[in-house]
Amino acid sequence: MDVLEQRRAAVTGQDADAFADLFAPDGVIELPFAGPGVPDRIEGREAIRAFARAAMGALRIDALVTLAVHRTEDPEVVVAETLTKGVGRGDAFEGRSVQFFRIRDGAILLFRDYTGPLRKPSS
């Protein structure tokens, strides 16, 4: 199972430990469009674990669909277009993202997530 599939399984399975364990010890998450109260940078596997636990306590991701994966000239960098559906604060939502991953030796070094506005599901 590749790293993106493992990430999908961890996120939809509400498994913060499995999610964090996909990262290198010094891995980083960057959320350039983070909303109020959400950090725009999380550094280190244990900080990522704590962040994932808090996030998964606040919302549930029911589906994380990879719409497209783009390889780059750098073999460590992958760009994914995704659609996420879930429930947060009692309301259903969906949102699209463009996500950049730097992966080395099966571990995520950098996950940069450009998530667009969340909205009510279209169907």
N, C-alpha and C. Protein backbone atom coordinates (compact mmCIF):
# COMPACT_ATOMS: atom_id res chain seq x y z
N MET A 1 0.86 -1.18 0.00
CA MET A 1 0.00 0.00 0.00
C MET A 1 0.90 1.24 0.00
N ASP A 2 0.65 2.16 -0.91
CA ASP A 2 1.51 3.34 -0.96
C ASP A 2 1.13 4.34 0.13
N VAL A 3 1.96 5.33 0.31
CA VAL A 3 1.80 6.29 1.40
C VAL A 3 0.47 7.03 1.29
N LEU A 4 0.06 7.43 0.10
CA LEU A 4 -1.20 8.16 -0.04
C LEU A 4 -2.38 7.28 0.35
N GLU A 5 -2.34 6.01 -0.01
CA GLU A 5 -3.41 5.09 0.38
C GLU A 5 -3.39 4.84 1.88
N GLN A 6 -2.22 4.72 2.46
CA GLN A 6 -2.12 4.56 3.92
C GLN A 6 -2.67 5.79 4.63
N ARG A 7 -2.40 6.95 4.09
CA ARG A 7 -2.92 8.19 4.68
C ARG A 7 -4.44 8.21 4.60
N ARG A 8 -5.00 7.83 3.45
CA ARG A 8 -6.45 7.78 3.31
C ARG A 8 -7.06 6.85 4.35
N ALA A 9 -6.47 5.66 4.50
CA ALA A 9 -7.00 4.69 5.46
C ALA A 9 -6.91 5.22 6.89
N ALA A 10 -5.81 5.88 7.23
CA ALA A 10 -5.66 6.42 8.58
C ALA A 10 -6.66 7.54 8.85
N VAL A 11 -6.83 8.43 7.88
CA VAL A 11 -7.73 9.57 8.06
C VAL A 11 -9.19 9.10 8.15
N THR A 12 -9.62 8.28 7.21
CA THR A 12 -11.01 7.82 7.24
C THR A 12 -11.27 6.84 8.37
N GLY A 13 -10.23 6.21 8.88
CA GLY A 13 -10.36 5.31 10.01
C GLY A 13 -10.20 6.00 11.35
N GLN A 14 -10.04 7.33 11.34
CA GLN A 14 -9.88 8.11 12.56
C GLN A 14 -8.70 7.61 13.39
N ASP A 15 -7.61 7.23 12.74
CA ASP A 15 -6.45 6.66 13.42
C ASP A 15 -5.29 7.67 13.40
N ALA A 16 -5.27 8.52 14.42
CA ALA A 16 -4.26 9.58 14.49
C ALA A 16 -2.85 9.01 14.59
N ASP A 17 -2.70 7.89 15.29
CA ASP A 17 -1.36 7.30 15.42
C ASP A 17 -0.86 6.79 14.07
N ALA A 18 -1.71 6.09 13.33
CA ALA A 18 -1.29 5.60 12.01
C ALA A 18 -0.96 6.77 11.08
N PHE A 19 -1.75 7.84 11.17
CA PHE A 19 -1.48 9.03 10.36
C PHE A 19 -0.11 9.61 10.70
N ALA A 20 0.14 9.83 11.99
CA ALA A 20 1.41 10.43 12.41
C ALA A 20 2.59 9.54 12.07
N ASP A 21 2.40 8.24 12.17
CA ASP A 21 3.50 7.31 11.90
C ASP A 21 3.92 7.28 10.44
N LEU A 22 3.13 7.89 9.55
CA LEU A 22 3.51 8.01 8.14
C LEU A 22 4.59 9.07 7.93
N PHE A 23 4.80 9.92 8.94
CA PHE A 23 5.73 11.03 8.82
C PHE A 23 7.11 10.66 9.35
N ALA A 24 8.12 11.26 8.75
CA ALA A 24 9.48 11.17 9.29
C ALA A 24 9.47 11.83 10.67
N PRO A 25 10.43 11.48 11.54
CA PRO A 25 10.46 12.10 12.88
C PRO A 25 10.45 13.63 12.83
N ASP A 26 11.08 14.21 11.81
CA ASP A 26 11.10 15.67 11.67
C ASP A 26 10.16 16.15 10.57
N GLY A 27 9.14 15.35 10.27
CA GLY A 27 8.16 15.71 9.24
C GLY A 27 7.42 17.00 9.58
N VAL A 28 6.85 17.60 8.53
CA VAL A 28 6.17 18.89 8.68
C VAL A 28 4.85 18.85 7.93
N ILE A 29 3.82 19.44 8.55
CA ILE A 29 2.57 19.74 7.86
C ILE A 29 2.48 21.25 7.73
N GLU A 30 2.17 21.73 6.54
CA GLU A 30 1.92 23.15 6.32
C GLU A 30 0.50 23.31 5.81
N LEU A 31 -0.23 24.25 6.41
CA LEU A 31 -1.62 24.53 6.05
C LEU A 31 -1.73 26.02 5.73
N PRO A 32 -1.28 26.44 4.53
CA PRO A 32 -1.23 27.86 4.22
C PRO A 32 -2.57 28.59 4.32
N PHE A 33 -3.68 27.87 4.11
CA PHE A 33 -5.00 28.51 4.16
C PHE A 33 -5.73 28.16 5.45
N ALA A 34 -5.01 27.82 6.50
CA ALA A 34 -5.63 27.44 7.78
C ALA A 34 -6.53 28.56 8.29
N GLY A 35 -7.64 28.14 8.86
CA GLY A 35 -8.58 29.10 9.43
C GLY A 35 -8.16 29.54 10.82
N PRO A 36 -8.96 30.41 11.42
CA PRO A 36 -8.66 30.89 12.76
C PRO A 36 -8.54 29.73 13.76
N GLY A 37 -7.53 29.81 14.60
CA GLY A 37 -7.35 28.79 15.62
C GLY A 37 -6.65 27.53 15.15
N VAL A 38 -6.31 27.46 13.86
CA VAL A 38 -5.63 26.28 13.31
C VAL A 38 -4.21 26.69 12.95
N PRO A 39 -3.21 25.97 13.45
CA PRO A 39 -1.84 26.35 13.11
C PRO A 39 -1.57 26.18 11.62
N ASP A 40 -0.72 27.03 11.08
CA ASP A 40 -0.39 26.89 9.66
C ASP A 40 0.85 26.04 9.43
N ARG A 41 1.51 25.63 10.53
CA ARG A 41 2.69 24.77 10.41
C ARG A 41 2.79 23.91 11.67
N ILE A 42 2.94 22.61 11.46
CA ILE A 42 3.12 21.66 12.55
C ILE A 42 4.41 20.92 12.27
N GLU A 43 5.35 20.96 13.21
CA GLU A 43 6.67 20.38 12.99
C GLU A 43 6.92 19.21 13.93
N GLY A 44 7.36 18.09 13.36
CA GLY A 44 7.73 16.92 14.14
C GLY A 44 6.59 15.92 14.27
N ARG A 45 6.95 14.64 14.23
CA ARG A 45 5.95 13.57 14.26
C ARG A 45 5.04 13.64 15.49
N GLU A 46 5.61 13.92 16.66
CA GLU A 46 4.79 13.93 17.87
C GLU A 46 3.83 15.12 17.89
N ALA A 47 4.25 16.26 17.37
CA ALA A 47 3.35 17.40 17.25
C ALA A 47 2.26 17.09 16.23
N ILE A 48 2.62 16.40 15.16
CA ILE A 48 1.63 15.98 14.15
C ILE A 48 0.64 15.01 14.78
N ARG A 49 1.12 14.10 15.61
CA ARG A 49 0.24 13.15 16.29
C ARG A 49 -0.79 13.90 17.16
N ALA A 50 -0.31 14.87 17.95
CA ALA A 50 -1.20 15.65 18.82
C ALA A 50 -2.21 16.44 17.98
N PHE A 51 -1.73 17.04 16.90
CA PHE A 51 -2.62 17.79 16.01
C PHE A 51 -3.68 16.87 15.41
N ALA A 52 -3.27 15.70 14.93
CA ALA A 52 -4.21 14.76 14.31
C ALA A 52 -5.25 14.29 15.33
N ARG A 53 -4.83 14.01 16.54
CA ARG A 53 -5.79 13.59 17.59
C ARG A 53 -6.83 14.69 17.83
N ALA A 54 -6.37 15.92 17.93
CA ALA A 54 -7.30 17.03 18.16
C ALA A 54 -8.24 17.21 16.97
N ALA A 55 -7.68 17.16 15.76
CA ALA A 55 -8.51 17.34 14.56
C ALA A 55 -9.54 16.23 14.44
N MET A 56 -9.11 15.00 14.68
CA MET A 56 -10.03 13.87 14.56
C MET A 56 -11.07 13.86 15.67
N GLY A 57 -10.78 14.54 16.78
CA GLY A 57 -11.77 14.69 17.82
C GLY A 57 -12.82 15.72 17.48
N ALA A 58 -12.48 16.65 16.59
CA ALA A 58 -13.38 17.73 16.22
C ALA A 58 -14.18 17.45 14.96
N LEU A 59 -13.68 16.58 14.11
CA LEU A 59 -14.39 16.27 12.87
C LEU A 59 -14.13 14.84 12.45
N ARG A 60 -14.99 14.37 11.60
CA ARG A 60 -14.87 13.00 11.09
C ARG A 60 -14.80 13.07 9.57
N ILE A 61 -13.79 12.45 9.00
CA ILE A 61 -13.65 12.37 7.55
C ILE A 61 -14.22 11.03 7.11
N ASP A 62 -15.29 11.08 6.34
CA ASP A 62 -15.93 9.86 5.85
C ASP A 62 -15.34 9.38 4.53
N ALA A 63 -14.88 10.32 3.73
CA ALA A 63 -14.30 9.96 2.43
C ALA A 63 -13.16 10.92 2.11
N LEU A 64 -12.09 10.36 1.62
CA LEU A 64 -10.95 11.13 1.13
C LEU A 64 -10.62 10.53 -0.23
N VAL A 65 -11.10 11.20 -1.26
CA VAL A 65 -11.00 10.68 -2.63
C VAL A 65 -9.86 11.38 -3.35
N THR A 66 -8.95 10.60 -3.89
CA THR A 66 -7.88 11.16 -4.71
C THR A 66 -8.40 11.29 -6.13
N LEU A 67 -8.55 12.52 -6.59
CA LEU A 67 -9.08 12.79 -7.93
C LEU A 67 -8.00 12.66 -8.99
N ALA A 68 -6.78 13.04 -8.64
CA ALA A 68 -5.66 12.95 -9.58
C ALA A 68 -4.36 12.99 -8.79
N VAL A 69 -3.35 12.32 -9.31
CA VAL A 69 -2.00 12.35 -8.75
C VAL A 69 -1.07 12.78 -9.86
N HIS A 70 -0.24 13.76 -9.57
CA HIS A 70 0.70 14.29 -10.55
C HIS A 70 2.13 14.05 -10.05
N ARG A 71 2.91 13.37 -10.85
CA ARG A 71 4.33 13.17 -10.55
C ARG A 71 5.08 14.41 -11.02
N THR A 72 6.20 14.67 -10.40
CA THR A 72 7.00 15.84 -10.77
C THR A 72 8.39 15.38 -11.20
N GLU A 73 9.18 16.32 -11.65
CA GLU A 73 10.56 15.99 -12.04
C GLU A 73 11.38 15.54 -10.84
N ASP A 74 10.98 15.97 -9.65
CA ASP A 74 11.64 15.54 -8.41
C ASP A 74 10.95 14.25 -7.96
N PRO A 75 11.63 13.13 -7.93
CA PRO A 75 10.98 11.86 -7.61
C PRO A 75 10.42 11.78 -6.19
N GLU A 76 10.82 12.70 -5.32
CA GLU A 76 10.29 12.71 -3.95
C GLU A 76 8.99 13.48 -3.84
N VAL A 77 8.64 14.27 -4.85
CA VAL A 77 7.49 15.17 -4.76
C VAL A 77 6.33 14.64 -5.60
N VAL A 78 5.17 14.59 -4.95
CA VAL A 78 3.92 14.17 -5.58
C VAL A 78 2.88 15.24 -5.26
N VAL A 79 2.04 15.55 -6.24
CA VAL A 79 0.94 16.49 -6.05
C VAL A 79 -0.36 15.71 -6.22
N ALA A 80 -1.26 15.85 -5.26
CA ALA A 80 -2.54 15.15 -5.32
C ALA A 80 -3.68 16.17 -5.28
N GLU A 81 -4.70 15.92 -6.10
CA GLU A 81 -5.95 16.67 -6.03
C GLU A 81 -6.94 15.77 -5.31
N THR A 82 -7.58 16.29 -4.26
CA THR A 82 -8.45 15.45 -3.45
C THR A 82 -9.81 16.10 -3.21
N LEU A 83 -10.76 15.24 -2.87
CA LEU A 83 -12.09 15.65 -2.42
C LEU A 83 -12.30 14.98 -1.07
N THR A 84 -12.61 15.77 -0.07
CA THR A 84 -12.83 15.27 1.28
C THR A 84 -14.28 15.51 1.66
N LYS A 85 -14.90 14.50 2.26
CA LYS A 85 -16.27 14.62 2.77
C LYS A 85 -16.29 14.15 4.21
N GLY A 86 -17.02 14.87 5.04
CA GLY A 86 -17.08 14.49 6.44
C GLY A 86 -18.11 15.28 7.21
N VAL A 87 -17.97 15.24 8.53
CA VAL A 87 -18.87 15.94 9.44
C VAL A 87 -18.02 16.66 10.48
N GLY A 88 -18.31 17.93 10.67
CA GLY A 88 -17.65 18.72 11.70
C GLY A 88 -18.64 19.63 12.37
N ARG A 89 -18.60 19.67 13.69
CA ARG A 89 -19.55 20.48 14.46
C ARG A 89 -20.99 20.14 14.12
N GLY A 90 -21.23 18.88 13.81
CA GLY A 90 -22.59 18.41 13.52
C GLY A 90 -23.07 18.66 12.10
N ASP A 91 -22.28 19.34 11.29
CA ASP A 91 -22.69 19.65 9.92
C ASP A 91 -21.83 18.90 8.91
N ALA A 92 -22.50 18.36 7.89
CA ALA A 92 -21.77 17.70 6.81
C ALA A 92 -21.04 18.75 5.98
N PHE A 93 -19.87 18.37 5.47
CA PHE A 93 -19.09 19.29 4.63
C PHE A 93 -18.37 18.49 3.56
N GLU A 94 -17.92 19.21 2.54
CA GLU A 94 -16.99 18.67 1.56
C GLU A 94 -16.07 19.79 1.13
N GLY A 95 -14.89 19.40 0.69
CA GLY A 95 -13.93 20.39 0.24
C GLY A 95 -12.90 19.76 -0.67
N ARG A 96 -12.39 20.57 -1.56
CA ARG A 96 -11.34 20.12 -2.48
C ARG A 96 -10.01 20.70 -2.04
N SER A 97 -8.96 19.95 -2.31
CA SER A 97 -7.62 20.37 -1.93
C SER A 97 -6.63 20.05 -3.04
N VAL A 98 -5.58 20.82 -3.06
CA VAL A 98 -4.37 20.46 -3.79
C VAL A 98 -3.32 20.24 -2.71
N GLN A 99 -2.70 19.08 -2.74
CA GLN A 99 -1.78 18.69 -1.67
C GLN A 99 -0.43 18.30 -2.26
N PHE A 100 0.61 18.85 -1.66
CA PHE A 100 1.98 18.55 -2.07
C PHE A 100 2.61 17.66 -1.01
N PHE A 101 3.26 16.61 -1.46
CA PHE A 101 3.94 15.68 -0.56
C PHE A 101 5.39 15.56 -0.98
N ARG A 102 6.27 15.59 -0.01
CA ARG A 102 7.66 15.19 -0.23
C ARG A 102 7.83 13.91 0.58
N ILE A 103 8.09 12.81 -0.12
CA ILE A 103 8.16 11.49 0.49
C ILE A 103 9.53 10.89 0.18
N ARG A 104 10.20 10.43 1.24
CA ARG A 104 11.51 9.79 1.06
C ARG A 104 11.53 8.51 1.88
N ASP A 105 11.93 7.43 1.23
CA ASP A 105 12.04 6.13 1.90
C ASP A 105 10.75 5.76 2.62
N GLY A 106 9.61 6.07 1.99
CA GLY A 106 8.32 5.68 2.54
C GLY A 106 7.80 6.54 3.66
N ALA A 107 8.49 7.64 3.98
CA ALA A 107 8.05 8.54 5.06
C ALA A 107 7.78 9.93 4.49
N ILE A 108 6.73 10.57 4.99
CA ILE A 108 6.39 11.92 4.56
C ILE A 108 7.31 12.91 5.27
N LEU A 109 8.04 13.68 4.48
CA LEU A 109 8.87 14.76 5.03
C LEU A 109 8.08 16.05 5.12
N LEU A 110 7.25 16.29 4.10
CA LEU A 110 6.45 17.51 4.03
C LEU A 110 5.10 17.19 3.42
N PHE A 111 4.06 17.68 4.07
CA PHE A 111 2.69 17.60 3.56
C PHE A 111 2.16 19.02 3.60
N ARG A 112 1.96 19.62 2.42
CA ARG A 112 1.43 20.99 2.31
C ARG A 112 0.04 20.89 1.69
N ASP A 113 -0.95 21.36 2.43
CA ASP A 113 -2.35 21.18 2.04
C ASP A 113 -3.00 22.53 1.76
N TYR A 114 -3.36 22.74 0.50
CA TYR A 114 -4.09 23.94 0.10
C TYR A 114 -5.55 23.54 -0.04
N THR A 115 -6.30 23.72 1.03
CA THR A 115 -7.72 23.35 1.03
C THR A 115 -8.56 24.56 0.68
N GLY A 116 -9.47 24.37 -0.26
CA GLY A 116 -10.40 25.43 -0.61
C GLY A 116 -11.49 25.54 0.44
N PRO A 117 -12.42 26.45 0.26
CA PRO A 117 -13.50 26.62 1.23
C PRO A 117 -14.32 25.34 1.38
N LEU A 118 -14.67 25.03 2.62
CA LEU A 118 -15.55 23.89 2.87
C LEU A 118 -16.98 24.34 2.60
N ARG A 119 -17.78 23.41 2.11
CA ARG A 119 -19.17 23.73 1.79
C ARG A 119 -20.06 22.54 2.12
N LYS A 120 -21.35 22.78 2.06
CA LYS A 120 -22.29 21.67 2.25
C LYS A 120 -22.17 20.74 1.05
N PRO A 121 -22.33 19.44 1.28
CA PRO A 121 -22.20 18.48 0.17
C PRO A 121 -23.18 18.78 -0.96
N SER A 122 -22.72 18.55 -2.17
CA SER A 122 -23.57 18.80 -3.34
C SER A 122 -24.62 17.72 -3.53
N SER A 123 -24.39 16.54 -2.96
CA SER A 123 -25.40 15.48 -3.08
C SER A 123 -25.39 14.61 -1.85
